[in-house]
N, C-alpha and C. Protein backbone atom coordinates (compact mmCIF):
# COMPACT_ATOMS: atom_id res chain seq x y z
N MET A 1 -37.42 -76.20 85.43
CA MET A 1 -37.43 -76.46 84.01
C MET A 1 -36.44 -75.52 83.32
N LYS A 2 -35.50 -76.06 82.58
CA LYS A 2 -34.51 -75.26 81.88
C LYS A 2 -35.09 -74.69 80.60
N SER A 3 -34.76 -73.44 80.31
CA SER A 3 -35.20 -72.87 79.04
C SER A 3 -34.22 -73.31 77.96
N LYS A 4 -34.75 -73.51 76.78
CA LYS A 4 -33.93 -73.96 75.66
C LYS A 4 -33.12 -72.79 75.13
N VAL A 5 -31.82 -72.97 74.98
CA VAL A 5 -30.94 -71.94 74.42
C VAL A 5 -30.64 -72.34 72.99
N HIS A 6 -31.02 -71.48 72.07
CA HIS A 6 -30.82 -71.77 70.66
C HIS A 6 -29.37 -71.58 70.26
N LYS A 7 -28.96 -72.27 69.20
CA LYS A 7 -27.58 -72.21 68.73
C LYS A 7 -27.18 -70.81 68.29
N TRP A 8 -28.15 -69.96 68.00
CA TRP A 8 -27.84 -68.61 67.53
C TRP A 8 -27.96 -67.57 68.64
N ALA A 9 -28.12 -67.99 69.87
CA ALA A 9 -28.44 -67.08 70.96
C ALA A 9 -27.32 -66.10 71.32
N HIS A 10 -26.11 -66.29 70.85
CA HIS A 10 -25.02 -65.39 71.22
C HIS A 10 -24.89 -64.19 70.30
N TYR A 11 -25.68 -64.10 69.25
CA TYR A 11 -25.59 -62.97 68.33
C TYR A 11 -26.31 -61.77 68.94
N THR A 12 -25.73 -60.60 68.75
CA THR A 12 -26.32 -59.38 69.32
C THR A 12 -26.37 -58.29 68.28
N ASN A 13 -27.08 -57.22 68.59
CA ASN A 13 -27.15 -56.07 67.71
C ASN A 13 -25.73 -55.53 67.50
N LEU A 14 -25.33 -55.33 66.25
CA LEU A 14 -23.97 -54.92 65.94
C LEU A 14 -23.65 -53.50 66.37
N ASP A 15 -24.60 -52.60 66.30
CA ASP A 15 -24.36 -51.20 66.61
C ASP A 15 -24.98 -50.88 67.96
N ARG A 16 -24.17 -50.80 68.96
CA ARG A 16 -24.68 -50.59 70.32
C ARG A 16 -25.27 -49.19 70.52
N LYS A 17 -25.01 -48.25 69.63
CA LYS A 17 -25.55 -46.90 69.76
C LYS A 17 -27.02 -46.84 69.37
N LYS A 18 -27.49 -47.81 68.61
CA LYS A 18 -28.89 -47.83 68.20
C LYS A 18 -29.74 -48.41 69.32
N PRO A 19 -31.02 -48.10 69.32
CA PRO A 19 -31.90 -48.71 70.33
C PRO A 19 -31.85 -50.23 70.19
N ALA A 20 -31.84 -50.91 71.29
CA ALA A 20 -31.76 -52.37 71.29
C ALA A 20 -33.02 -52.97 70.67
N LEU A 21 -32.84 -54.11 70.06
CA LEU A 21 -33.99 -54.84 69.53
C LEU A 21 -34.74 -55.49 70.69
N ASN A 22 -36.06 -55.59 70.56
CA ASN A 22 -36.81 -56.28 71.60
C ASN A 22 -36.59 -57.79 71.45
N THR A 23 -37.16 -58.58 72.30
CA THR A 23 -36.90 -60.02 72.32
C THR A 23 -37.23 -60.70 70.99
N GLU A 24 -38.40 -60.42 70.44
CA GLU A 24 -38.78 -61.06 69.17
C GLU A 24 -37.93 -60.56 68.01
N GLN A 25 -37.63 -59.27 67.99
CA GLN A 25 -36.77 -58.72 66.94
C GLN A 25 -35.38 -59.33 67.02
N LYS A 26 -34.86 -59.43 68.22
CA LYS A 26 -33.53 -59.99 68.42
C LYS A 26 -33.47 -61.45 67.99
N GLN A 27 -34.52 -62.20 68.27
CA GLN A 27 -34.53 -63.61 67.86
C GLN A 27 -34.49 -63.72 66.34
N ALA A 28 -35.26 -62.90 65.64
CA ALA A 28 -35.24 -62.92 64.17
C ALA A 28 -33.85 -62.57 63.67
N TYR A 29 -33.26 -61.51 64.22
CA TYR A 29 -31.92 -61.10 63.82
C TYR A 29 -30.90 -62.21 64.07
N GLU A 30 -30.96 -62.82 65.24
CA GLU A 30 -29.99 -63.86 65.59
C GLU A 30 -30.07 -65.07 64.66
N ILE A 31 -31.27 -65.44 64.27
CA ILE A 31 -31.44 -66.56 63.34
C ILE A 31 -30.77 -66.23 62.01
N ILE A 32 -31.02 -65.03 61.51
CA ILE A 32 -30.46 -64.62 60.22
C ILE A 32 -28.94 -64.49 60.31
N ALA A 33 -28.42 -63.87 61.37
CA ALA A 33 -26.97 -63.70 61.53
C ALA A 33 -26.28 -65.05 61.65
N TRP A 34 -26.86 -65.98 62.39
CA TRP A 34 -26.29 -67.32 62.51
C TRP A 34 -26.23 -67.99 61.14
N ASP A 35 -27.33 -67.91 60.39
CA ASP A 35 -27.37 -68.52 59.07
C ASP A 35 -26.32 -67.90 58.15
N LEU A 36 -26.18 -66.59 58.18
CA LEU A 36 -25.17 -65.92 57.36
C LEU A 36 -23.77 -66.40 57.72
N ASP A 37 -23.47 -66.47 58.99
CA ASP A 37 -22.15 -66.94 59.40
C ASP A 37 -21.90 -68.38 58.98
N GLN A 38 -22.94 -69.21 59.01
CA GLN A 38 -22.79 -70.58 58.53
C GLN A 38 -22.47 -70.61 57.04
N MET A 39 -23.17 -69.76 56.27
CA MET A 39 -22.91 -69.68 54.83
C MET A 39 -21.48 -69.22 54.57
N LEU A 40 -21.04 -68.20 55.27
CA LEU A 40 -19.70 -67.67 55.07
C LEU A 40 -18.61 -68.66 55.48
N ALA A 41 -18.95 -69.54 56.41
CA ALA A 41 -18.01 -70.59 56.83
C ALA A 41 -18.11 -71.81 55.93
N ARG A 42 -18.92 -71.70 54.88
CA ARG A 42 -19.11 -72.77 53.88
C ARG A 42 -19.67 -74.06 54.51
N ARG A 43 -20.57 -73.89 55.47
CA ARG A 43 -21.21 -75.05 56.09
C ARG A 43 -22.51 -75.42 55.38
N HIS A 44 -22.94 -74.61 54.44
CA HIS A 44 -24.10 -74.87 53.58
C HIS A 44 -25.37 -75.25 54.33
N PRO A 45 -25.87 -74.35 55.17
CA PRO A 45 -27.16 -74.64 55.82
C PRO A 45 -28.27 -74.58 54.78
N PRO A 46 -29.44 -75.14 55.08
CA PRO A 46 -30.56 -75.03 54.15
C PRO A 46 -30.90 -73.55 53.92
N THR A 47 -31.42 -73.24 52.75
CA THR A 47 -31.78 -71.86 52.43
C THR A 47 -32.77 -71.33 53.47
N LEU A 48 -32.46 -70.15 54.00
CA LEU A 48 -33.33 -69.53 55.00
C LEU A 48 -34.28 -68.58 54.30
N ARG A 49 -35.56 -68.77 54.54
CA ARG A 49 -36.59 -67.85 54.06
C ARG A 49 -37.38 -67.42 55.29
N MET A 50 -37.46 -66.14 55.52
CA MET A 50 -38.14 -65.65 56.71
C MET A 50 -39.17 -64.59 56.32
N ILE A 51 -40.34 -64.69 56.91
CA ILE A 51 -41.38 -63.69 56.71
C ILE A 51 -41.57 -62.95 58.02
N MET A 52 -41.52 -61.64 57.94
CA MET A 52 -41.82 -60.82 59.11
C MET A 52 -43.11 -60.07 58.82
N TYR A 53 -44.05 -60.21 59.70
CA TYR A 53 -45.33 -59.54 59.51
C TYR A 53 -45.75 -58.89 60.81
N GLY A 54 -46.66 -57.96 60.69
CA GLY A 54 -47.18 -57.27 61.87
C GLY A 54 -47.71 -55.92 61.46
N GLU A 55 -48.44 -55.32 62.35
CA GLU A 55 -49.00 -54.00 62.11
C GLU A 55 -47.89 -52.96 62.02
N GLY A 56 -48.23 -51.81 61.47
CA GLY A 56 -47.27 -50.71 61.42
C GLY A 56 -46.79 -50.36 62.81
N GLY A 57 -45.50 -50.07 62.92
CA GLY A 57 -44.94 -49.68 64.21
C GLY A 57 -44.47 -50.81 65.08
N THR A 58 -44.46 -52.04 64.56
CA THR A 58 -44.03 -53.18 65.37
C THR A 58 -42.53 -53.44 65.28
N GLY A 59 -41.82 -52.69 64.43
CA GLY A 59 -40.37 -52.81 64.39
C GLY A 59 -39.80 -53.67 63.27
N LYS A 60 -40.62 -54.00 62.28
CA LYS A 60 -40.12 -54.82 61.17
C LYS A 60 -38.98 -54.12 60.45
N LEU A 61 -39.13 -52.84 60.20
CA LEU A 61 -38.11 -52.09 59.49
C LEU A 61 -36.80 -52.04 60.29
N LYS A 62 -36.90 -51.92 61.61
CA LYS A 62 -35.70 -51.89 62.45
C LYS A 62 -34.92 -53.20 62.31
N VAL A 63 -35.63 -54.32 62.27
CA VAL A 63 -34.97 -55.62 62.10
C VAL A 63 -34.32 -55.69 60.72
N ILE A 64 -35.05 -55.27 59.69
CA ILE A 64 -34.52 -55.31 58.33
C ILE A 64 -33.27 -54.44 58.22
N GLN A 65 -33.29 -53.27 58.82
CA GLN A 65 -32.12 -52.39 58.79
C GLN A 65 -30.93 -53.02 59.51
N THR A 66 -31.18 -53.65 60.65
CA THR A 66 -30.12 -54.30 61.41
C THR A 66 -29.54 -55.48 60.64
N VAL A 67 -30.41 -56.26 60.01
CA VAL A 67 -29.95 -57.39 59.20
C VAL A 67 -29.14 -56.88 58.00
N THR A 68 -29.62 -55.83 57.35
CA THR A 68 -28.90 -55.25 56.21
C THR A 68 -27.50 -54.81 56.63
N GLU A 69 -27.39 -54.19 57.79
CA GLU A 69 -26.09 -53.76 58.30
C GLU A 69 -25.19 -54.96 58.59
N ALA A 70 -25.77 -56.04 59.11
CA ALA A 70 -24.99 -57.24 59.40
C ALA A 70 -24.40 -57.82 58.12
N PHE A 71 -25.20 -57.87 57.07
CA PHE A 71 -24.70 -58.38 55.80
C PHE A 71 -23.61 -57.46 55.25
N ALA A 72 -23.84 -56.16 55.34
CA ALA A 72 -22.85 -55.20 54.83
C ALA A 72 -21.53 -55.30 55.60
N SER A 73 -21.61 -55.46 56.92
CA SER A 73 -20.40 -55.53 57.74
C SER A 73 -19.59 -56.79 57.44
N ARG A 74 -20.23 -57.78 56.85
CA ARG A 74 -19.55 -59.02 56.48
C ARG A 74 -19.26 -59.06 54.97
N ASN A 75 -19.37 -57.92 54.32
CA ASN A 75 -19.16 -57.83 52.86
C ASN A 75 -20.00 -58.85 52.10
N SER A 76 -21.24 -59.01 52.50
CA SER A 76 -22.13 -60.01 51.92
C SER A 76 -23.47 -59.44 51.50
N SER A 77 -23.52 -58.16 51.20
CA SER A 77 -24.79 -57.51 50.86
C SER A 77 -25.50 -58.18 49.70
N THR A 78 -24.73 -58.73 48.75
CA THR A 78 -25.35 -59.35 47.57
C THR A 78 -26.03 -60.67 47.90
N MET A 79 -25.81 -61.20 49.09
CA MET A 79 -26.45 -62.46 49.48
C MET A 79 -27.83 -62.25 50.08
N LEU A 80 -28.19 -61.01 50.37
CA LEU A 80 -29.47 -60.70 51.02
C LEU A 80 -30.49 -60.27 49.98
N VAL A 81 -31.64 -60.93 49.99
CA VAL A 81 -32.75 -60.56 49.11
C VAL A 81 -33.92 -60.17 50.00
N LYS A 82 -34.45 -58.96 49.78
CA LYS A 82 -35.59 -58.47 50.55
C LYS A 82 -36.75 -58.26 49.58
N VAL A 83 -37.90 -58.72 49.97
CA VAL A 83 -39.09 -58.58 49.14
C VAL A 83 -40.19 -57.99 50.01
N ALA A 84 -40.94 -57.03 49.45
CA ALA A 84 -42.03 -56.40 50.18
C ALA A 84 -43.33 -56.58 49.42
N TYR A 85 -44.42 -56.68 50.15
CA TYR A 85 -45.74 -56.80 49.53
C TYR A 85 -46.23 -55.48 48.97
N THR A 86 -45.75 -54.38 49.52
CA THR A 86 -46.21 -53.07 49.07
C THR A 86 -45.03 -52.20 48.70
N GLY A 87 -45.28 -51.23 47.85
CA GLY A 87 -44.25 -50.29 47.47
C GLY A 87 -43.80 -49.42 48.61
N ILE A 88 -44.69 -49.14 49.54
CA ILE A 88 -44.35 -48.30 50.69
C ILE A 88 -43.24 -48.94 51.50
N ALA A 89 -43.38 -50.21 51.80
CA ALA A 89 -42.34 -50.91 52.58
C ALA A 89 -41.04 -50.94 51.80
N GLY A 90 -41.09 -51.24 50.53
CA GLY A 90 -39.88 -51.30 49.73
C GLY A 90 -39.16 -49.98 49.64
N HIS A 91 -39.90 -48.87 49.53
CA HIS A 91 -39.28 -47.56 49.45
C HIS A 91 -38.60 -47.16 50.75
N LYS A 92 -39.10 -47.65 51.87
CA LYS A 92 -38.48 -47.33 53.15
C LYS A 92 -37.08 -47.93 53.25
N TRP A 93 -36.83 -49.02 52.53
CA TRP A 93 -35.52 -49.65 52.58
C TRP A 93 -34.48 -48.87 51.80
N GLN A 94 -34.93 -48.07 50.84
CA GLN A 94 -34.04 -47.22 50.04
C GLN A 94 -32.90 -47.99 49.40
N ASP A 95 -33.22 -49.09 48.78
CA ASP A 95 -32.21 -49.83 48.02
C ASP A 95 -32.89 -50.54 46.86
N ASP A 96 -32.33 -51.59 46.38
CA ASP A 96 -32.87 -52.27 45.22
C ASP A 96 -33.78 -53.44 45.58
N SER A 97 -34.55 -53.31 46.64
CA SER A 97 -35.47 -54.35 47.07
C SER A 97 -36.53 -54.61 46.02
N LEU A 98 -37.07 -55.81 46.08
CA LEU A 98 -38.14 -56.19 45.16
C LEU A 98 -39.49 -55.96 45.79
N TYR A 99 -40.39 -55.37 45.06
CA TYR A 99 -41.78 -55.22 45.50
C TYR A 99 -42.65 -55.06 44.27
N PRO A 100 -43.95 -55.46 44.37
CA PRO A 100 -44.83 -55.40 43.19
C PRO A 100 -45.08 -53.99 42.72
């Protein structure tokens, strides 16, 4: 049985000096990076909305930081909107994220 290879499977962590993302983190990153590249190529994919949830220490912040760097490296930081349910999460991002 062949495993399905997603269209975004070739995207990787941009900064090789950082600890690698685990499988689930990498999949989330690859989906977002693929969507960003489609937008920048003016292919107009449907709006991507992604929710990352999990207990503390599961690596959500690492994914968010990696995604933020990907947007910045493509001069597209203004295209990324991050929203947090709590002020604690929003403050960890240290930017203009939205949180209640």
